[in-house]
Protein backbone atom coordinates (compact mmCIF):
# COMPACT_ATOMS: atom_id res chain seq x y z
CA MET A 1 79.48 -97.27 -10.21
CA THR A 2 79.03 -101.51 -9.92
CA GLU A 3 75.88 -103.57 -10.84
CA PRO A 4 74.25 -106.24 -8.44
CA ALA A 5 75.91 -109.47 -9.32
CA GLY A 6 74.15 -111.92 -11.98
CA GLU A 7 72.29 -108.81 -14.13
CA PRO A 8 73.60 -108.88 -18.00
CA VAL A 9 74.96 -106.28 -19.41
CA LEU A 10 72.57 -105.32 -22.66
CA PHE A 11 74.35 -102.34 -23.83
CA THR A 12 76.77 -99.95 -22.75
CA GLU A 13 78.50 -96.64 -23.47
CA HIS A 14 81.87 -95.45 -22.06
CA GLY A 15 81.57 -91.83 -21.80
CA SER A 16 85.18 -91.79 -23.16
CA SER A 17 87.93 -93.94 -23.91
CA TRP A 18 91.42 -93.94 -22.07
CA TRP A 19 93.59 -93.11 -24.85
CA PRO A 20 93.84 -89.14 -23.95
CA LEU A 21 96.12 -90.25 -21.20
CA LEU A 22 98.60 -90.55 -23.57
CA TRP A 23 98.41 -86.76 -24.87
CA GLY A 24 100.55 -85.70 -21.94
CA PRO A 25 103.62 -88.63 -22.59
CA LEU A 26 103.54 -87.97 -26.15
CA PHE A 27 103.77 -83.95 -26.44
CA ALA A 28 106.70 -84.46 -23.40
CA ALA A 29 108.69 -87.27 -25.76
CA PHE A 30 108.35 -84.81 -29.01
CA GLY A 31 109.25 -82.06 -27.12
CA VAL A 32 111.99 -83.87 -25.87
CA GLY A 33 112.92 -84.93 -29.54
CA VAL A 34 112.90 -81.91 -30.65
CA GLU A 35 115.24 -80.18 -27.88
CA ALA A 36 117.82 -83.15 -28.46
CA THR A 37 118.34 -81.65 -32.53
CA THR A 38 118.81 -78.35 -31.22
CA GLY A 39 121.18 -78.58 -28.36
CA PRO A 40 120.96 -80.23 -24.53
CA VAL A 41 117.83 -81.94 -23.45
CA HIS A 42 115.76 -80.27 -20.39
CA TRP A 43 114.62 -83.76 -18.89
CA LEU A 44 113.02 -82.35 -15.63
CA PRO A 45 110.39 -79.60 -17.38
CA TRP A 46 109.42 -82.00 -19.93
CA PHE A 47 108.87 -84.64 -17.28
CA VAL A 48 106.82 -82.06 -15.30
CA VAL A 49 104.68 -81.10 -18.67
CA GLY A 50 104.08 -85.01 -19.45
CA VAL A 51 102.73 -85.61 -15.83
CA GLY A 52 100.83 -82.36 -15.60
CA ILE A 53 98.97 -82.88 -18.82
CA PHE A 54 98.76 -86.42 -18.00
CA ALA A 55 96.90 -85.72 -14.71
CA GLY A 56 94.39 -83.13 -16.37
CA ALA A 57 93.66 -85.62 -19.21
CA ALA A 58 92.93 -88.15 -16.24
CA VAL A 59 90.65 -86.13 -14.51
CA TRP A 60 89.07 -84.95 -17.91
CA VAL A 61 88.49 -88.64 -18.92
CA SER A 62 87.14 -90.17 -15.20
CA ALA A 63 84.61 -87.33 -15.17
CA ARG A 64 83.34 -88.04 -18.73
CA ARG A 65 83.05 -91.51 -18.14
CA LYS A 66 80.95 -91.09 -15.01
CA VAL A 67 78.59 -88.30 -16.54
CA TYR A 68 78.24 -89.81 -20.17
CA LEU A 69 77.90 -93.29 -19.09
CA VAL A 70 75.28 -95.68 -20.68
CA ARG A 71 74.38 -98.89 -19.15
CA LEU A 72 71.50 -101.11 -19.44
CA THR A 73 70.97 -104.50 -17.22
CA THR A 74 68.56 -106.36 -16.82
CA GLY A 75 67.42 -104.16 -13.79
CA THR A 76 68.56 -100.74 -14.26
CA LEU A 77 69.16 -98.05 -17.05
CA THR A 78 72.10 -95.92 -16.03
CA GLN A 79 72.14 -92.90 -18.17
CA GLY A 80 75.45 -90.38 -16.32
CA ARG A 81 75.00 -90.81 -12.33
CA GLU A 82 71.28 -91.46 -12.67
CA ARG A 83 69.84 -94.83 -12.24
CA LEU A 84 66.54 -96.21 -13.19
CA ASP A 85 64.78 -98.94 -12.01
CA VAL A 86 64.01 -101.23 -15.46
CA GLU A 87 60.71 -101.74 -14.09
CA LYS A 88 59.49 -97.88 -13.93
CA LEU A 89 59.78 -98.32 -17.92
CA ALA A 90 56.32 -99.33 -19.84
CA ALA A 91 57.16 -98.29 -23.79
CA VAL A 92 59.78 -97.48 -26.31
CA THR A 93 57.65 -97.92 -29.48
CA ASP A 94 55.68 -94.62 -30.89
CA VAL A 95 56.92 -92.61 -27.96
CA GLY A 96 56.55 -89.16 -28.68
CA THR A 97 58.41 -86.16 -27.25
CA PRO A 98 56.71 -83.58 -25.22
CA ALA A 99 57.97 -80.54 -24.85
CA GLY A 100 59.83 -80.11 -21.91
CA ALA A 101 60.45 -84.03 -21.28
CA ARG A 102 62.92 -84.36 -18.39
CA ILE A 103 66.37 -86.06 -19.28
CA LEU A 104 67.62 -88.55 -17.91
CA GLY A 105 71.54 -88.05 -16.44
CA GLY A 106 70.39 -84.35 -15.53
CA GLY A 107 71.56 -81.42 -17.70
CA TRP A 108 69.50 -79.32 -19.56
CA SER A 109 69.91 -80.98 -23.03
CA VAL A 110 70.94 -84.34 -24.27
CA PRO A 111 74.89 -84.86 -24.73
CA ARG A 112 76.46 -83.36 -27.32
CA ARG A 113 76.97 -85.87 -30.56
CA THR A 114 73.84 -88.34 -28.61
CA THR A 115 70.61 -88.73 -29.97
CA ALA A 116 67.43 -88.56 -28.03
CA ILE A 117 65.12 -91.50 -27.16
CA PRO A 118 61.52 -91.32 -25.74
CA VAL A 119 60.92 -93.45 -23.03
CA ARG A 120 57.33 -93.77 -21.41
CA LEU A 121 57.82 -94.67 -17.34
CA GLY A 122 54.66 -96.37 -15.98
CA ASP A 123 53.02 -93.21 -14.69
CA GLY A 124 52.43 -92.10 -17.88
CA SER A 125 55.11 -89.70 -18.19
CA VAL A 126 57.91 -89.18 -20.97
CA VAL A 127 61.62 -89.06 -20.34
CA LEU A 128 64.35 -88.57 -22.89
CA ALA A 129 67.30 -91.31 -22.74
CA TRP A 130 70.43 -90.69 -24.80
CA ALA A 131 72.96 -92.68 -26.35
CA ARG A 132 75.80 -92.32 -28.99
CA ASP A 133 74.39 -95.82 -30.43
CA ASP A 134 70.77 -94.29 -30.66
CA GLU A 135 69.40 -97.54 -32.48
CA GLY A 136 71.55 -99.85 -30.40
CA LEU A 137 70.10 -98.68 -27.12
CA ARG A 138 66.76 -98.30 -28.31
CA ASP A 139 66.65 -102.34 -29.71
CA ALA A 140 68.07 -103.22 -26.54
CA LEU A 141 65.45 -101.05 -24.77
CA ARG A 142 62.56 -102.93 -26.78
CA ARG A 143 63.45 -106.12 -26.30
CA LEU A 144 63.39 -105.72 -22.53
CA VAL A 145 60.42 -103.43 -21.99
CA GLU A 146 58.34 -104.69 -24.86
CA PRO A 147 58.65 -108.53 -25.23
CA GLU A 148 55.27 -108.49 -26.98
CA ALA A 149 56.40 -106.50 -29.76
CA GLY A 150 57.94 -109.50 -31.33
CA HIS A 151 61.00 -109.45 -29.59
CA VAL A 152 62.98 -112.32 -27.65
CA GLN A 153 63.46 -111.25 -23.97
């Protein structure tokens, strides 16, 4: 996902780091090392195993980076694959969580290991944003949406 040029990123969380891509090669290297101490090394099967685990991890990491992305710029709030224009946001402070509030990014509940942040939209409805660093996202949203609350925009 690309942001329009010139929009500073105020907050970001990636859904995953890239380090899980090392699982396959490290497992294969460990297997080669163990096999080398016990007899001949079967290079081709270990290479195939390493590449196979690497490919599976690449698909998994890529999907998590799209589905669990959180990014706030001066123009948009991105939650997973959903984008919401910042101009539609009305309040972050003192917003209750009504039953059945829609979760940004889709899904039945906020992602695991994230905390919901209720946000009131301009039409009066409440949606749930989410982030691992909920205080960081909440503060960034307050500075952007509620400059009169004593925060500098």
